[in-house]
Amino acid sequence: MSNEKKIPYKIYLDESEMPKAWYNLRADMKNKPAPLLNPGTLEPMTFEELTPVFCEDLVKQELDDTTPYFEIPEEIRNFYKMYRPSPLVRAYCLEEKLGTPAKIYYKFEGNNTSGSHKLNSAIAQAYYAKKQGLKGVTTETGAGQWGTALSMACSYLGLDCKVYMVKCSYEQKPFRREVMRTYGAQVTPSPSMDTKIGQKINAEHPGTTGSLGCAISEAVEAATSTPGYRYVLGSVLNQVLLHQSVIGLETKAALDKYDIKPDMIIGCAGGGSNLGGLIAPFMGEKLRGEADYEIIAVEPASCPSFTRGKFAYDFCDTGMVCPLAKMKTLGADFIPAPNHAGGLRYHGMSSTLSQLYEDGYMKAVAVTQTDVFAAAEQFARVEGILPAPESSHAIKVAIDEALKCKETGEEKTIVFGLTGTGYFDMYAYEKFHDGLMTDYIPTDEDLEKSFAKLPKVDK
């Protein structure tokens, strides 16, 4: 125990130790993620087809599955220095309260105004838009962290920012909305009546509370119909996982400082940005046969794309205007219940992570909302940080695994991602404390209705 105490509560890296390049996990995958398909021709999307929607440099990153490292531009690295490197925290207090022999660490990404890891990719995507000479960008946001992060990045670089926010989150999280507006963003509840796709979704689903898939459709329509704009996405895409690899690279560097080798790495999973970023260098070692880790994705039982979804080509958006991606999906027509982990309310999962899951390199667990908030409250009372509902999915499973170690006496080292803070999620915490929170789990019949509408793709 005396040797263990040499490990500080918080392990920091120096600025000089920050990653100078993003790691492209796909370069080490033998089975590459299936390509995006043109919904009209069902052929792989080309650079020329993607650039009317996305920035040119980002398209290059999206399509490249062989280059292992991409240099991080100096301007982005300088921006990162405002809040990075982020700390890797040893959860000594939680370990003691649980009475577990497990060693628990969490990578804390909530130490910036956006309150989450999303700023890592937001500044990169805004930088490339500015470099291309664009006027502005459009996007969607669920819980609001991505929209907040992008509004911050655009404000810093002098770009316009239009955000379509999932309607239930727009109503539940007015303060998150106001932070975006403080940074100059135009925020619209989705589905809206401002776009043709929004009008269509409202007509087909009267009273809908929206979904990330709906908001994506509106943001893409707004971008492609407005000169000087492009669409940017906060999760799912390969380029986003690339940018978020700074999380995992810093985590591994911090662990290596003290010769710590994790047994288990746990992350919440909605579209894949946090999970993919956290596990990137560890999964790379696993793919190359250099080390082995147990990697667990944690998703809401109300939106279980990993654990109950189909591995198939599907639209990335509800309006079915985006390219087709081969992923674990519940169907683009699936609109999740308005649970409070807004950032995890997406019908599909990153193609990269979906392929790794199918190939057996990681596993997934689905947990119910009330259990998640119970774990969040337990963590907050012990570790002093109020976690975001999304992050709390990882906390729930980390606690479960630590308690298993208590039963077996195993001294496993557990690392999980604390993607952000929950200070704008007090409506959800209020529901939990008042006993008004419920657990929604879609029935097999619900999912089959959505699966029946999956596009027929023979690839």
Protein backbone atom coordinates (compact mmCIF):
# COMPACT_ATOMS: atom_id res chain seq x y z
CA MET A 1 0.00 0.00 0.00
CA SER A 2 2.91 2.34 0.74
CA ASN A 3 4.09 2.05 -2.86
CA GLU A 4 0.57 2.72 -4.19
CA LYS A 5 0.36 6.03 -2.35
CA LYS A 6 3.22 7.31 -4.47
CA ILE A 7 0.65 7.58 -7.23
CA PRO A 8 -0.99 11.02 -6.83
CA TYR A 9 -4.70 11.59 -6.83
CA LYS A 10 -4.34 13.43 -10.12
CA ILE A 11 -1.75 12.56 -12.73
CA TYR A 12 -0.96 15.51 -14.96
CA LEU A 13 1.15 15.69 -18.08
CA ASP A 14 3.27 18.71 -18.95
CA GLU A 15 2.38 20.77 -22.00
CA SER A 16 5.45 19.29 -23.69
CA GLU A 17 3.93 15.82 -23.23
CA MET A 18 0.68 16.64 -25.03
CA PRO A 19 0.09 14.62 -28.21
CA LYS A 20 1.45 16.29 -31.32
CA ALA A 21 -0.47 13.96 -33.65
CA TRP A 22 -3.86 12.27 -33.65
CA TYR A 23 -3.86 8.47 -33.87
CA ASN A 24 -5.90 6.85 -36.63
CA LEU A 25 -7.07 3.54 -35.16
CA ARG A 26 -8.28 2.29 -38.54
CA ALA A 27 -4.68 2.03 -39.77
CA ASP A 28 -4.16 -0.98 -37.47
CA MET A 29 -7.48 -2.70 -38.24
CA LYS A 30 -7.24 -5.77 -40.46
CA ASN A 31 -10.97 -5.57 -41.15
CA LYS A 32 -11.43 -1.93 -42.11
CA PRO A 33 -14.78 -0.22 -41.49
CA ALA A 34 -17.04 -0.56 -44.51
CA PRO A 35 -17.09 2.59 -46.69
CA LEU A 36 -19.86 5.16 -46.67
CA LEU A 37 -22.24 4.54 -49.58
CA ASN A 38 -24.00 6.97 -51.87
CA PRO A 39 -27.72 6.41 -51.09
CA GLY A 40 -28.58 6.80 -54.78
CA THR A 41 -25.97 4.56 -56.42
CA LEU A 42 -25.01 2.37 -53.39
CA GLU A 43 -21.38 2.86 -54.41
CA PRO A 44 -18.67 4.11 -52.03
CA MET A 45 -18.79 7.85 -51.51
CA THR A 46 -16.00 9.75 -53.23
CA PHE A 47 -14.08 12.84 -52.14
CA GLU A 48 -16.00 14.89 -54.71
CA GLU A 49 -19.37 13.67 -53.41
CA LEU A 50 -18.56 14.41 -49.76
CA THR A 51 -17.00 17.87 -50.08
CA PRO A 52 -20.31 19.71 -50.72
CA VAL A 53 -21.32 18.58 -47.21
CA PHE A 54 -18.02 18.45 -45.26
CA CYS A 55 -14.82 20.51 -45.28
CA GLU A 56 -12.18 19.23 -47.71
CA ASP A 57 -9.46 18.44 -45.15
CA LEU A 58 -11.98 16.64 -42.98
CA VAL A 59 -13.10 14.50 -45.91
CA LYS A 60 -9.48 13.48 -46.44
CA GLN A 61 -9.29 12.39 -42.80
CA GLU A 62 -12.64 10.61 -43.07
CA LEU A 63 -11.61 8.49 -46.04
CA ASP A 64 -8.05 7.67 -44.95
CA ASP A 65 -7.82 4.28 -43.22
CA THR A 66 -4.09 3.67 -43.75
CA THR A 67 -2.25 6.69 -42.32
CA PRO A 68 -1.58 5.95 -38.62
CA TYR A 69 -0.91 9.52 -37.46
CA PHE A 70 -2.11 12.99 -38.49
CA GLU A 71 -0.12 15.96 -37.23
CA ILE A 72 -2.19 18.32 -35.06
CA PRO A 73 -1.86 21.86 -36.48
CA GLU A 74 -0.06 24.27 -34.14
CA GLU A 75 -3.10 26.58 -33.84
CA ILE A 76 -5.21 23.67 -32.60
CA ARG A 77 -2.47 22.55 -30.18
CA ASN A 78 -2.30 26.09 -28.80
CA PHE A 79 -6.07 26.11 -28.28
CA TYR A 80 -5.85 22.71 -26.56
CA LYS A 81 -3.41 24.20 -24.04
CA MET A 82 -6.26 26.25 -22.53
CA TYR A 83 -7.70 23.07 -21.01
CA ARG A 84 -5.35 20.23 -21.89
CA PRO A 85 -3.68 18.05 -20.80
CA SER A 86 -6.69 16.94 -18.74
CA PRO A 87 -6.09 15.03 -15.50
CA LEU A 88 -6.17 11.28 -14.98
CA VAL A 89 -7.65 10.88 -11.50
CA ARG A 90 -7.13 7.98 -9.11
CA ALA A 91 -10.50 7.42 -7.41
CA TYR A 92 -9.03 6.62 -4.00
CA CYS A 93 -12.17 7.81 -2.17
CA LEU A 94 -14.49 5.71 -4.30
CA GLU A 95 -12.26 2.66 -3.87
CA GLU A 96 -12.37 3.09 -0.09
CA LYS A 97 -16.15 3.52 0.05
CA LEU A 98 -16.67 0.43 -2.11
CA GLY A 99 -14.19 -1.58 -0.09
CA THR A 100 -12.74 -2.97 -3.29
CA PRO A 101 -9.21 -4.13 -4.03
CA ALA A 102 -9.66 -2.73 -7.55
CA LYS A 103 -7.73 0.36 -8.55
CA ILE A 104 -10.00 2.86 -10.29
CA TYR A 105 -8.89 5.71 -12.53
CA TYR A 106 -10.94 8.15 -14.57
CA LYS A 107 -9.92 10.52 -17.34
CA PHE A 108 -11.72 13.79 -16.61
CA GLU A 109 -12.73 15.79 -19.68
CA GLY A 110 -15.05 18.29 -17.99
CA ASN A 111 -12.53 21.02 -17.21
CA ASN A 112 -13.61 23.48 -19.92
CA THR A 113 -16.69 25.66 -20.40
CA SER A 114 -18.32 23.22 -22.80
CA GLY A 115 -18.26 20.74 -19.91
CA SER A 116 -17.13 17.80 -22.01
CA HIS A 117 -14.64 16.17 -24.36
CA LYS A 118 -16.46 17.55 -27.39
CA LEU A 119 -14.22 20.60 -27.66
CA ASN A 120 -11.34 18.36 -28.83
CA SER A 121 -13.03 17.83 -32.20
CA ALA A 122 -15.01 21.07 -32.34
CA ILE A 123 -11.90 23.23 -32.55
CA ALA A 124 -10.39 20.93 -35.17
CA GLN A 125 -13.46 21.00 -37.40
CA ALA A 126 -13.90 24.75 -37.01
CA TYR A 127 -10.20 25.25 -37.81
CA TYR A 128 -10.49 23.38 -41.11
CA ALA A 129 -13.66 25.28 -42.01
CA LYS A 130 -11.88 28.57 -41.38
CA LYS A 131 -8.84 27.39 -43.35
CA GLN A 132 -11.13 26.65 -46.30
CA GLY A 133 -12.51 30.19 -46.18
CA LEU A 134 -16.05 29.26 -45.18
CA LYS A 135 -18.52 31.64 -43.55
CA GLY A 136 -19.98 29.19 -41.06
CA VAL A 137 -21.03 25.67 -40.11
CA THR A 138 -24.20 23.85 -39.10
CA THR A 139 -24.59 20.97 -36.70
CA GLU A 140 -26.91 19.06 -34.39
CA THR A 141 -26.66 18.54 -30.64
CA GLY A 142 -28.36 16.21 -28.19
CA ALA A 143 -27.51 16.93 -24.59
CA GLY A 144 -25.91 20.18 -25.71
CA GLN A 145 -22.24 19.54 -25.03
CA TRP A 146 -21.34 19.31 -28.71
CA GLY A 147 -23.34 22.41 -29.63
CA THR A 148 -21.70 24.29 -26.76
CA ALA A 149 -18.23 23.14 -27.79
CA LEU A 150 -18.77 24.06 -31.43
CA SER A 151 -20.18 27.48 -30.55
CA MET A 152 -17.04 28.12 -28.46
CA ALA A 153 -14.73 27.02 -31.27
CA CYS A 154 -16.59 29.08 -33.89
CA SER A 155 -16.59 32.15 -31.64
CA TYR A 156 -12.82 31.80 -31.19
CA LEU A 157 -12.24 31.57 -34.95
CA GLY A 158 -14.90 34.06 -36.07
CA LEU A 159 -17.28 31.61 -37.80
CA ASP A 160 -21.09 31.56 -37.82
CA CYS A 161 -22.62 28.59 -36.03
CA LYS A 162 -26.14 27.18 -36.51
CA VAL A 163 -27.19 24.45 -34.08
CA TYR A 164 -30.24 22.18 -34.33
CA MET A 165 -30.86 20.93 -30.79
CA VAL A 166 -32.97 17.83 -30.10
CA LYS A 167 -36.31 19.24 -28.94
CA CYS A 168 -36.55 17.38 -25.63
CA SER A 169 -33.05 18.56 -24.67
CA TYR A 170 -33.84 22.10 -25.88
CA GLU A 171 -36.75 22.15 -23.43
CA GLN A 172 -35.04 20.26 -20.58
CA LYS A 173 -31.74 22.18 -20.73
CA PRO A 174 -32.43 25.88 -21.31
CA PHE A 175 -29.18 26.92 -19.65
CA ARG A 176 -27.12 24.80 -22.03
CA ARG A 177 -28.96 26.53 -24.85
CA GLU A 178 -28.11 29.93 -23.38
CA VAL A 179 -24.42 29.09 -23.15
CA MET A 180 -24.47 28.39 -26.90
CA ARG A 181 -26.19 31.71 -27.54
CA THR A 182 -23.65 33.45 -25.31
CA TYR A 183 -20.98 32.23 -27.72
CA GLY A 184 -22.97 33.54 -30.67
CA ALA A 185 -24.69 30.39 -31.96
CA GLN A 186 -28.18 30.33 -33.44
CA VAL A 187 -30.04 27.48 -31.67
CA THR A 188 -33.19 25.88 -33.11
CA PRO A 189 -35.25 23.06 -31.53
CA SER A 190 -35.42 19.99 -33.79
CA PRO A 191 -37.47 18.88 -35.58
CA SER A 192 -38.35 22.43 -36.58
CA MET A 193 -40.52 23.94 -39.25
CA ASP A 194 -37.52 25.79 -40.73
CA THR A 195 -36.46 22.95 -43.03
CA LYS A 196 -38.31 20.70 -45.44
CA ILE A 197 -37.09 17.63 -43.59
CA GLY A 198 -38.19 19.07 -40.25
CA GLN A 199 -41.65 19.74 -41.63
CA LYS A 200 -41.84 16.18 -42.97
CA ILE A 201 -40.76 14.60 -39.66
CA ASN A 202 -43.26 16.72 -37.71
CA ALA A 203 -46.02 15.66 -40.08
CA GLU A 204 -45.15 11.95 -39.78
CA HIS A 205 -44.50 12.04 -36.01
CA PRO A 206 -46.82 14.68 -34.50
CA GLY A 207 -45.61 15.86 -31.10
CA THR A 208 -42.25 14.13 -31.45
CA THR A 209 -39.53 15.08 -28.96
CA GLY A 210 -36.93 14.59 -31.68
CA SER A 211 -33.71 12.61 -31.93
CA LEU A 212 -30.13 13.14 -33.01
CA GLY A 213 -31.05 11.55 -36.35
CA CYS A 214 -33.73 14.21 -36.92
CA ALA A 215 -31.40 17.04 -35.97
CA ILE A 216 -28.65 15.75 -38.27
CA SER A 217 -31.06 15.79 -41.23
CA GLU A 218 -31.98 19.41 -40.57
CA ALA A 219 -28.39 20.52 -40.10
CA VAL A 220 -27.30 18.86 -43.35
CA GLU A 221 -30.16 20.46 -45.27
CA ALA A 222 -29.29 23.87 -43.83
CA ALA A 223 -25.61 23.47 -44.74
CA THR A 224 -26.16 22.28 -48.29
CA SER A 225 -28.72 24.97 -49.04
CA THR A 226 -26.69 27.89 -47.64
CA PRO A 227 -23.67 29.15 -49.63
CA GLY A 228 -20.44 29.28 -47.65
CA TYR A 229 -21.52 26.72 -45.06
CA ARG A 230 -20.60 23.12 -44.36
CA TYR A 231 -21.94 20.55 -41.94
CA VAL A 232 -19.89 19.28 -38.98
CA LEU A 233 -20.70 16.32 -36.73
CA GLY A 234 -19.82 15.71 -33.09
CA SER A 235 -19.61 11.93 -33.09
CA VAL A 236 -19.92 8.75 -35.20
CA LEU A 237 -17.63 9.80 -38.08
CA ASN A 238 -14.06 8.53 -38.44
CA GLN A 239 -12.68 12.07 -38.38
CA VAL A 240 -14.26 12.70 -34.96
CA LEU A 241 -12.77 9.54 -33.45
CA LEU A 242 -9.42 10.65 -34.89
CA HIS A 243 -9.56 14.03 -33.12
CA GLN A 244 -10.76 12.48 -29.88
CA SER A 245 -7.76 10.15 -29.78
CA VAL A 246 -6.05 12.87 -27.72
CA ILE A 247 -8.05 11.51 -24.76
CA GLY A 248 -6.62 8.01 -25.02
CA LEU A 249 -3.12 9.17 -25.94
CA GLU A 250 -2.97 11.36 -22.84
CA THR A 251 -4.48 8.60 -20.69
CA LYS A 252 -1.88 6.09 -21.82
CA ALA A 253 0.98 8.56 -21.36
CA ALA A 254 -0.19 9.30 -17.81
CA LEU A 255 -0.47 5.59 -16.95
CA ASP A 256 2.92 4.86 -18.50
CA LYS A 257 4.49 7.50 -16.22
CA TYR A 258 3.80 5.19 -13.28
CA ASP A 259 4.10 1.87 -15.13
CA ILE A 260 0.38 1.23 -14.72
CA LYS A 261 -1.25 -1.27 -17.09
CA PRO A 262 -5.06 -1.23 -17.03
CA ASP A 263 -6.99 -4.48 -17.13
CA MET A 264 -10.25 -2.88 -18.12
CA ILE A 265 -11.22 0.29 -20.04
CA ILE A 266 -14.83 1.47 -19.87
CA GLY A 267 -16.58 4.23 -21.79
CA CYS A 268 -20.13 5.40 -22.44
CA ALA A 269 -21.32 4.92 -26.01
CA GLY A 270 -23.83 6.95 -27.99
CA GLY A 271 -22.27 7.56 -31.38
CA GLY A 272 -18.74 6.65 -30.34
CA SER A 273 -16.70 9.87 -29.98
CA ASN A 274 -15.72 9.51 -26.33
CA LEU A 275 -15.37 5.74 -26.35
CA GLY A 276 -13.38 5.70 -29.58
CA GLY A 277 -11.07 8.43 -28.35
CA LEU A 278 -10.47 6.86 -24.95
CA ILE A 279 -9.69 3.36 -26.18
CA ALA A 280 -7.76 4.30 -29.36
CA PRO A 281 -4.12 3.63 -28.34
CA PHE A 282 -5.07 0.67 -26.15
CA MET A 283 -7.12 -0.89 -28.95
CA GLY A 284 -4.19 -0.23 -31.28
CA GLU A 285 -1.93 -2.30 -29.03
CA LYS A 286 -4.57 -5.00 -28.91
CA LEU A 287 -4.89 -5.08 -32.69
CA ARG A 288 -1.12 -5.27 -33.12
CA GLY A 289 -0.86 -8.08 -30.57
CA GLU A 290 1.29 -6.02 -28.20
CA ALA A 291 -1.08 -6.08 -25.19
CA ASP A 292 -4.57 -7.15 -24.19
CA TYR A 293 -7.31 -5.24 -22.44
CA GLU A 294 -10.97 -5.82 -21.63
CA ILE A 295 -12.83 -2.97 -23.32
CA ILE A 296 -16.46 -2.31 -22.41
CA ALA A 297 -18.90 0.04 -24.14
CA VAL A 298 -21.84 1.14 -21.97
CA GLU A 299 -25.06 2.29 -23.59
CA PRO A 300 -28.59 3.16 -22.39
CA ALA A 301 -31.10 0.31 -22.37
CA SER A 302 -33.51 2.75 -24.03
CA CYS A 303 -31.24 3.08 -27.10
CA PRO A 304 -29.27 -0.20 -27.28
CA SER A 305 -27.61 -0.08 -30.69
CA PHE A 306 -24.62 -2.25 -29.70
CA THR A 307 -26.47 -4.88 -27.70
CA ARG A 308 -29.71 -5.16 -29.69
CA GLY A 309 -29.02 -3.45 -33.00
CA LYS A 310 -28.37 -4.94 -36.43
CA PHE A 311 -24.96 -4.73 -38.10
CA ALA A 312 -26.11 -3.36 -41.41
CA TYR A 313 -25.97 -0.43 -43.79
CA ASP A 314 -28.31 2.30 -42.63
CA PHE A 315 -28.89 6.01 -43.00
CA CYS A 316 -27.06 8.17 -40.47
CA ASP A 317 -30.07 10.45 -40.16
CA THR A 318 -33.82 10.16 -39.78
CA GLY A 319 -34.49 12.25 -42.89
CA MET A 320 -32.45 9.75 -44.94
CA VAL A 321 -30.42 12.34 -46.85
CA CYS A 322 -26.97 11.42 -45.51
CA PRO A 323 -24.73 8.63 -46.81
CA LEU A 324 -25.32 5.05 -45.74
CA ALA A 325 -22.96 3.69 -43.08
CA LYS A 326 -22.46 0.07 -42.08
CA MET A 327 -22.91 0.11 -38.33
CA LYS A 328 -24.73 -1.34 -35.37
CA THR A 329 -28.10 0.34 -35.76
CA LEU A 330 -31.64 0.35 -34.43
CA GLY A 331 -32.84 1.80 -37.74
CA ALA A 332 -32.88 5.42 -38.84
CA ASP A 333 -36.64 5.52 -38.20
CA PHE A 334 -36.13 4.64 -34.51
CA ILE A 335 -36.81 7.62 -32.24
CA PRO A 336 -35.66 6.88 -28.68
CA ALA A 337 -37.68 7.76 -25.61
CA PRO A 338 -36.79 11.20 -24.22
CA ASN A 339 -34.40 9.90 -21.59
CA HIS A 340 -31.97 12.30 -20.00
CA ALA A 341 -28.71 11.02 -21.47
CA GLY A 342 -29.35 13.19 -24.51
CA GLY A 343 -25.90 12.61 -25.97
CA LEU A 344 -26.57 8.88 -26.20
CA ARG A 345 -29.91 9.11 -28.01
CA TYR A 346 -28.59 8.09 -31.43
CA HIS A 347 -29.91 5.14 -33.41
CA GLY A 348 -26.50 3.98 -34.67
CA MET A 349 -22.89 3.57 -33.68
CA SER A 350 -19.56 4.51 -35.25
CA SER A 351 -18.66 2.20 -38.15
CA THR A 352 -15.18 1.79 -36.69
CA LEU A 353 -16.43 0.73 -33.28
CA SER A 354 -19.17 -1.41 -34.80
CA GLN A 355 -16.60 -3.37 -36.81
CA LEU A 356 -14.38 -3.84 -33.75
CA TYR A 357 -17.39 -5.05 -31.76
CA GLU A 358 -18.40 -7.50 -34.48
CA ASP A 359 -14.82 -8.81 -34.63
CA GLY A 360 -14.83 -9.49 -30.88
CA TYR A 361 -12.31 -6.87 -29.76
CA MET A 362 -14.73 -5.27 -27.29
CA LYS A 363 -18.01 -5.97 -25.56
CA ALA A 364 -21.04 -3.88 -24.66
CA VAL A 365 -23.45 -3.54 -21.74
CA ALA A 366 -26.84 -1.79 -21.68
CA VAL A 367 -27.97 -0.18 -18.41
CA THR A 368 -31.21 1.45 -17.25
CA GLN A 369 -31.52 5.13 -16.51
CA THR A 370 -32.47 4.92 -12.81
CA ASP A 371 -29.47 2.67 -12.13
CA VAL A 372 -27.26 5.15 -13.96
CA PHE A 373 -28.42 8.07 -11.84
CA ALA A 374 -28.01 6.08 -8.64
CA ALA A 375 -24.39 5.48 -9.64
CA ALA A 376 -23.99 9.15 -10.57
CA GLU A 377 -25.22 10.24 -7.16
CA GLN A 378 -22.96 7.73 -5.40
CA PHE A 379 -19.96 9.00 -7.37
CA ALA A 380 -20.80 12.67 -6.75
CA ARG A 381 -21.06 12.16 -3.00
CA VAL A 382 -17.69 10.43 -2.85
CA GLU A 383 -15.52 11.97 -5.57
CA GLY A 384 -16.89 15.53 -5.46
CA ILE A 385 -17.75 15.86 -9.16
CA LEU A 386 -21.32 15.98 -10.45
CA PRO A 387 -21.09 13.78 -13.57
CA ALA A 388 -22.99 14.15 -16.82
CA PRO A 389 -25.70 11.51 -17.37
CA GLU A 390 -23.75 10.19 -20.37
CA SER A 391 -20.56 9.67 -18.35
CA SER A 392 -22.57 8.10 -15.55
CA HIS A 393 -23.21 5.05 -17.72
CA ALA A 394 -19.50 4.32 -17.54
CA ILE A 395 -19.48 5.06 -13.81
CA LYS A 396 -22.27 2.53 -13.24
CA VAL A 397 -20.35 -0.30 -14.90
CA ALA A 398 -17.02 0.72 -13.34
CA ILE A 399 -18.64 0.44 -9.90
CA ASP A 400 -20.19 -2.91 -10.83
CA GLU A 401 -16.82 -4.24 -11.95
CA ALA A 402 -15.10 -2.93 -8.81
CA LEU A 403 -17.68 -4.70 -6.65
CA LYS A 404 -17.03 -7.94 -8.54
CA CYS A 405 -13.38 -7.53 -7.58
CA LYS A 406 -14.50 -7.16 -3.97
CA GLU A 407 -16.27 -10.53 -4.22
CA THR A 408 -13.39 -12.33 -5.93
CA GLY A 409 -10.46 -10.53 -4.33
CA GLU A 410 -8.99 -9.63 -7.74
CA GLU A 411 -6.92 -6.45 -7.86
CA LYS A 412 -7.92 -5.27 -11.31
CA THR A 413 -7.01 -1.84 -12.60
CA ILE A 414 -10.07 -0.12 -14.08
CA VAL A 415 -9.97 3.01 -16.25
CA PHE A 416 -13.11 4.83 -17.35
CA GLY A 417 -13.91 8.03 -19.17
CA LEU A 418 -15.61 10.86 -17.27
CA THR A 419 -16.62 12.76 -20.37
CA GLY A 420 -18.06 15.80 -18.66
CA THR A 421 -20.02 17.45 -15.88
CA GLY A 422 -23.76 17.41 -15.17
CA TYR A 423 -24.35 20.94 -13.92
CA PHE A 424 -26.76 21.65 -16.79
CA ASP A 425 -28.60 18.37 -16.17
CA MET A 426 -30.30 19.28 -12.91
CA TYR A 427 -33.77 18.74 -14.40
CA ALA A 428 -32.83 15.09 -14.80
CA TYR A 429 -31.35 14.88 -11.31
CA GLU A 430 -34.55 16.47 -9.96
CA LYS A 431 -36.66 13.79 -11.68
CA PHE A 432 -34.47 11.10 -10.15
CA HIS A 433 -34.62 12.56 -6.64
CA ASP A 434 -38.39 13.04 -6.82
CA GLY A 435 -38.93 9.44 -7.91
CA LEU A 436 -40.39 10.53 -11.24
CA MET A 437 -37.71 9.00 -13.45
CA THR A 438 -38.73 5.88 -15.32
CA ASP A 439 -36.88 3.24 -17.29
CA TYR A 440 -37.93 2.78 -20.89
CA ILE A 441 -36.73 -0.28 -22.74
CA PRO A 442 -37.94 -0.79 -26.33
CA THR A 443 -39.70 -4.05 -27.02
CA ASP A 444 -38.54 -6.50 -29.67
CA GLU A 445 -41.65 -5.50 -31.61
CA ASP A 446 -40.63 -1.82 -31.48
CA LEU A 447 -37.22 -2.67 -32.89
CA GLU A 448 -38.52 -5.03 -35.54
CA LYS A 449 -40.70 -2.26 -36.95
CA SER A 450 -37.62 -0.11 -37.33
CA PHE A 451 -35.44 -2.95 -38.67
CA ALA A 452 -38.04 -3.63 -41.36
CA LYS A 453 -37.29 -0.22 -42.83
CA LEU A 454 -33.53 -0.73 -43.11
CA PRO A 455 -32.32 -0.06 -46.66
CA LYS A 456 -31.74 -3.14 -48.81
CA VAL A 457 -28.02 -3.16 -49.48
CA ASP A 458 -26.30 -6.27 -50.84
CA LYS A 459 -22.79 -5.41 -49.60
